[in-house]
Amino acid sequence: MERVKNIIGLLALTLLLFARVASAQEIVVSAAASLTNAFDVVKKDFEAAHPGLKVVANYGASGALLKQMENGAPVDVFASADEQTMDQAAAKGLILPGTRRDFARNALVLVVPADSRLALTGERDLAGSAVLRIALGNPDSVPAGRYARECLELAGLWDALRPKYIYGNNVRQVLDYVSRGEVDAAFVFSTDARQAGARVRVVREVPTKTPALYPVAVIATGQKTEAKAFVDFLLGLEGQRILQSFGFRKP
């Protein structure tokens, strides 16, 4: 009888330890800064649907997140704000083949501080002497910055406006600059302008040569089963509903 009790006790302890390990199971999702608010909700709902699985979100400029992965950062899912960065991740063998999917689309907008007295109607007005500072993401690492450069190149203004540029490390930093009135105008995603609410005024949606598509993929060295479950949730009805509630469009 004592032996049976010991065995039962050992089994109970084993199950308890297993439960504790399972409850501590995590996946790391590295996602573009513009996804912050939407992914916070996606993360919460995904965890509710998958008890014992925790999502650790890491937000930043897509290019910076790619560098982190190249340097060995533990990541299970990567969601970029552009195709170019995901192309680079694929070329470096960082993503699991066959798992890449486009899950959302965005648009680039020109915004000004809410109390701005500048009568801007489009990007060509940025060349005026009253506009001194224009914020945009660093095109080398921030997709929104690359889209802004495309817009200004299409308008023939990229080089002429260089002295006015204030670069941000990610699109949310750019949004902060214009929200606080530290710049005269800025280029951000439409979803970011929506998050800023009454702090900014949208001048207009601007044209870009490349569509602002958001791809997601499972990382080759990550926890594949759990990571795939997150990607499936993101692409499913609930994930898409959440994204669209934050202003993202269908890819």
Protein backbone atom coordinates (compact mmCIF):
# COMPACT_ATOMS: atom_id res chain seq x y z
CA MET A 1 0.00 0.00 0.00
CA GLU A 2 2.81 2.39 0.88
CA ARG A 3 4.47 1.62 -2.44
CA VAL A 4 1.23 2.36 -4.28
CA LYS A 5 0.91 5.68 -2.44
CA ASN A 6 4.50 6.55 -3.40
CA ILE A 7 3.82 5.72 -7.03
CA ILE A 8 0.62 7.77 -7.00
CA GLY A 9 2.49 10.64 -5.34
CA LEU A 10 5.27 10.43 -7.92
CA LEU A 11 2.75 10.43 -10.75
CA ALA A 12 0.97 13.43 -9.24
CA LEU A 13 4.28 15.29 -8.91
CA THR A 14 5.19 14.41 -12.49
CA LEU A 15 1.84 15.66 -13.75
CA LEU A 16 2.23 18.86 -11.71
CA LEU A 17 5.69 19.49 -13.10
CA PHE A 18 4.43 18.77 -16.61
CA ALA A 19 1.56 21.21 -16.12
CA ARG A 20 3.94 23.90 -14.88
CA VAL A 21 6.23 23.41 -17.89
CA ALA A 22 3.24 23.44 -20.24
CA SER A 23 1.86 26.58 -18.62
CA ALA A 24 5.20 28.28 -19.14
CA GLN A 25 5.41 27.33 -22.84
CA GLU A 26 6.04 30.40 -24.97
CA ILE A 27 6.34 31.44 -28.57
CA VAL A 28 8.06 34.63 -29.58
CA VAL A 29 6.39 36.71 -32.29
CA SER A 30 8.48 39.46 -33.84
CA ALA A 31 6.17 41.92 -35.59
CA ALA A 32 6.36 45.28 -37.32
CA ALA A 33 5.76 48.27 -35.04
CA SER A 34 2.61 49.25 -36.94
CA LEU A 35 1.02 45.98 -35.79
CA THR A 36 1.45 46.73 -32.08
CA ASN A 37 -2.13 47.53 -31.09
CA ALA A 38 -3.77 44.93 -33.31
CA PHE A 39 -1.35 42.17 -32.31
CA ASP A 40 -1.83 42.93 -28.62
CA VAL A 41 -5.47 41.92 -29.11
CA VAL A 42 -4.61 38.99 -31.41
CA LYS A 43 -2.16 37.77 -28.78
CA LYS A 44 -4.77 37.94 -26.01
CA ASP A 45 -7.44 36.10 -28.01
CA PHE A 46 -4.99 33.47 -29.27
CA GLU A 47 -3.84 32.72 -25.71
CA ALA A 48 -7.46 32.39 -24.61
CA ALA A 49 -8.02 29.85 -27.39
CA HIS A 50 -4.79 27.98 -26.55
CA PRO A 51 -4.56 27.54 -22.74
CA GLY A 52 -1.01 27.03 -21.52
CA LEU A 53 0.56 28.74 -24.51
CA LYS A 54 1.93 32.26 -23.99
CA VAL A 55 2.83 34.69 -26.77
CA VAL A 56 5.75 37.04 -26.20
CA ALA A 57 5.46 39.94 -28.66
CA ASN A 58 8.53 41.80 -29.88
CA TYR A 59 7.73 44.95 -31.88
CA GLY A 60 10.08 47.08 -33.96
CA ALA A 61 11.06 48.17 -37.45
CA SER A 62 10.93 45.19 -39.81
CA GLY A 63 14.57 45.63 -40.83
CA ALA A 64 15.70 45.79 -37.21
CA LEU A 65 13.76 42.62 -36.38
CA LEU A 66 15.43 40.86 -39.30
CA LYS A 67 18.84 41.84 -37.94
CA GLN A 68 17.91 40.43 -34.55
CA MET A 69 17.03 37.09 -36.13
CA GLU A 70 20.23 37.07 -38.15
CA ASN A 71 22.13 37.54 -34.89
CA GLY A 72 20.46 34.52 -33.31
CA ALA A 73 17.51 36.04 -31.45
CA PRO A 74 15.00 33.29 -30.54
CA VAL A 75 11.94 33.92 -32.71
CA ASP A 76 9.11 31.60 -33.74
CA VAL A 77 6.97 33.85 -35.96
CA PHE A 78 7.96 36.88 -38.04
CA ALA A 79 5.40 39.40 -39.34
CA SER A 80 6.86 42.12 -41.57
CA ALA A 81 5.31 45.34 -42.86
CA ASP A 82 6.68 44.71 -46.35
CA GLU A 83 7.53 41.98 -48.82
CA GLN A 84 11.14 43.12 -49.24
CA THR A 85 12.17 42.33 -45.67
CA MET A 86 10.48 38.93 -45.80
CA ASP A 87 12.23 38.26 -49.11
CA GLN A 88 15.53 38.92 -47.35
CA ALA A 89 14.56 36.59 -44.48
CA ALA A 90 13.75 33.87 -47.02
CA ALA A 91 17.02 34.40 -48.91
CA LYS A 92 18.95 33.98 -45.67
CA GLY A 93 17.15 30.72 -44.90
CA LEU A 94 15.47 32.12 -41.78
CA ILE A 95 11.88 31.16 -42.54
CA LEU A 96 10.31 27.73 -42.91
CA PRO A 97 9.51 27.09 -46.61
CA GLY A 98 5.82 26.94 -47.39
CA THR A 99 4.68 28.93 -44.34
CA ARG A 100 4.85 32.44 -45.78
CA ARG A 101 1.47 34.12 -46.26
CA ASP A 102 0.22 37.67 -46.82
CA PHE A 103 -2.24 38.47 -44.02
CA ALA A 104 -2.96 42.21 -44.26
CA ARG A 105 -2.57 45.34 -46.35
CA ASN A 106 -2.06 48.95 -45.35
CA ALA A 107 -1.82 52.37 -46.98
CA LEU A 108 0.59 55.26 -46.57
CA VAL A 109 -0.79 58.65 -45.58
CA LEU A 110 0.60 62.15 -45.27
CA VAL A 111 -0.30 63.66 -41.88
CA VAL A 112 0.23 66.93 -40.03
CA PRO A 113 -0.20 67.86 -36.35
CA ALA A 114 -3.84 68.39 -35.46
CA ASP A 115 -3.32 72.11 -34.80
CA SER A 116 -1.25 72.72 -37.93
CA ARG A 117 -2.09 75.89 -39.85
CA LEU A 118 -0.34 74.71 -42.99
CA ALA A 119 -2.68 74.44 -45.97
CA LEU A 120 -1.22 71.21 -47.34
CA THR A 121 -3.18 69.26 -49.92
CA GLY A 122 -0.55 66.75 -50.99
CA GLU A 123 3.12 65.83 -51.06
CA ARG A 124 4.02 68.53 -53.61
CA ASP A 125 3.18 71.19 -51.02
CA LEU A 126 6.04 69.86 -48.86
CA ALA A 127 8.45 71.80 -51.06
CA GLY A 128 7.05 75.09 -49.73
CA SER A 129 9.21 77.29 -47.52
CA ALA A 130 6.75 77.00 -44.61
CA VAL A 131 7.50 73.28 -44.27
CA LEU A 132 10.78 72.89 -42.38
CA ARG A 133 10.72 69.34 -40.98
CA ILE A 134 9.26 66.16 -42.50
CA ALA A 135 9.34 62.93 -40.50
CA LEU A 136 9.56 59.51 -42.09
CA GLY A 137 10.98 56.14 -41.19
CA ASN A 138 14.58 55.41 -42.09
CA PRO A 139 14.22 53.82 -45.56
CA ASP A 140 17.11 51.45 -44.84
CA SER A 141 15.15 49.58 -42.16
CA VAL A 142 11.58 50.91 -41.91
CA PRO A 143 9.08 49.80 -44.58
CA ALA A 144 6.91 52.92 -44.14
CA GLY A 145 10.04 54.96 -44.83
CA ARG A 146 10.68 53.04 -48.04
CA TYR A 147 7.10 53.60 -49.14
CA ALA A 148 7.49 57.32 -48.36
CA ARG A 149 10.62 57.44 -50.49
CA GLU A 150 8.72 55.75 -53.33
CA CYS A 151 5.97 58.34 -53.05
CA LEU A 152 8.38 61.25 -53.12
CA GLU A 153 10.37 59.72 -55.97
CA LEU A 154 7.16 59.37 -57.99
CA ALA A 155 6.55 63.08 -57.35
CA GLY A 156 10.14 63.98 -58.28
CA LEU A 157 10.74 65.43 -54.80
CA TRP A 158 12.96 62.93 -52.98
CA ASP A 159 16.30 64.68 -53.50
CA ALA A 160 14.96 68.21 -53.27
CA LEU A 161 13.42 67.58 -49.84
CA ARG A 162 16.42 65.82 -48.26
CA PRO A 163 17.41 68.77 -46.00
CA LYS A 164 13.97 68.58 -44.34
CA TYR A 165 13.95 64.89 -43.43
CA ILE A 166 13.81 63.73 -39.81
CA TYR A 167 14.25 59.96 -39.73
CA GLY A 168 12.56 57.71 -37.20
CA ASN A 169 13.74 54.26 -36.14
CA ASN A 170 10.24 52.90 -36.68
CA VAL A 171 6.87 54.18 -37.81
CA ARG A 172 5.59 54.69 -34.26
CA GLN A 173 8.49 57.02 -33.50
CA VAL A 174 7.57 59.00 -36.61
CA LEU A 175 3.99 59.14 -35.37
CA ASP A 176 5.20 60.48 -32.02
CA TYR A 177 7.16 63.24 -33.74
CA VAL A 178 4.13 64.52 -35.63
CA SER A 179 1.67 63.96 -32.75
CA ARG A 180 3.81 66.17 -30.50
CA GLY A 181 4.14 68.85 -33.16
CA GLU A 182 7.91 68.39 -33.44
CA VAL A 183 7.69 68.20 -37.24
CA ASP A 184 5.50 69.93 -39.80
CA ALA A 185 4.41 66.78 -41.61
CA ALA A 186 5.04 63.05 -41.65
CA PHE A 187 4.45 59.86 -43.57
CA VAL A 188 2.89 57.01 -41.57
CA PHE A 189 0.59 54.10 -42.23
CA SER A 190 -3.13 54.84 -42.21
CA THR A 191 -3.56 52.46 -39.24
CA ASP A 192 -1.02 54.50 -37.25
CA ALA A 193 -2.83 57.74 -38.03
CA ARG A 194 -6.01 56.07 -36.85
CA GLN A 195 -4.35 55.14 -33.55
CA ALA A 196 -3.23 58.74 -33.07
CA GLY A 197 -6.85 59.89 -33.30
CA ALA A 198 -7.34 63.62 -32.75
CA ARG A 199 -3.60 64.27 -32.35
CA VAL A 200 -2.99 64.28 -36.10
CA ARG A 201 -4.84 65.28 -39.24
CA VAL A 202 -4.64 63.19 -42.40
CA VAL A 203 -3.91 65.26 -45.50
CA ARG A 204 -4.42 62.39 -47.90
CA GLU A 205 -3.56 58.80 -48.78
CA VAL A 206 -0.50 58.95 -51.02
CA PRO A 207 0.49 56.72 -53.95
CA THR A 208 3.34 54.21 -53.72
CA LYS A 209 4.88 52.01 -56.38
CA THR A 210 4.78 48.95 -54.11
CA PRO A 211 1.62 47.75 -52.31
CA ALA A 212 1.97 47.83 -48.51
CA LEU A 213 1.42 44.11 -47.96
CA TYR A 214 2.16 42.36 -44.65
CA PRO A 215 3.59 38.81 -44.87
CA VAL A 216 3.96 36.38 -41.96
CA ALA A 217 6.06 33.22 -41.72
CA VAL A 218 7.22 30.57 -39.28
CA ILE A 219 10.91 30.80 -38.42
CA ALA A 220 12.95 27.74 -39.42
CA THR A 221 14.58 27.34 -36.01
CA GLY A 222 11.45 28.05 -33.97
CA GLN A 223 8.70 25.97 -32.36
CA LYS A 224 6.97 24.97 -35.57
CA THR A 225 3.70 23.47 -34.33
CA GLU A 226 2.85 26.32 -31.96
CA ALA A 227 4.06 28.94 -34.44
CA LYS A 228 1.89 27.48 -37.20
CA ALA A 229 -1.09 27.60 -34.84
CA PHE A 230 -0.51 31.34 -34.35
CA VAL A 231 -0.23 31.94 -38.10
CA ASP A 232 -3.44 29.95 -38.70
CA PHE A 233 -5.23 32.05 -36.06
CA LEU A 234 -3.98 35.25 -37.69
CA LEU A 235 -5.28 34.16 -41.08
CA GLY A 236 -8.55 32.83 -39.68
CA LEU A 237 -11.85 34.63 -39.22
CA GLU A 238 -11.10 35.95 -35.73
CA GLY A 239 -7.59 37.14 -36.55
CA GLN A 240 -8.79 38.91 -39.67
CA ARG A 241 -11.70 40.48 -37.80
CA ILE A 242 -9.31 41.93 -35.23
CA LEU A 243 -6.95 43.29 -37.88
CA GLN A 244 -9.78 44.94 -39.81
CA SER A 245 -11.13 46.50 -36.61
CA PHE A 246 -7.80 48.37 -36.39
CA GLY A 247 -8.04 49.57 -39.99
CA PHE A 248 -5.98 46.93 -41.77
CA ARG A 249 -7.31 45.78 -45.12
CA LYS A 250 -7.51 42.35 -46.65
CA PRO A 251 -4.33 41.42 -48.56
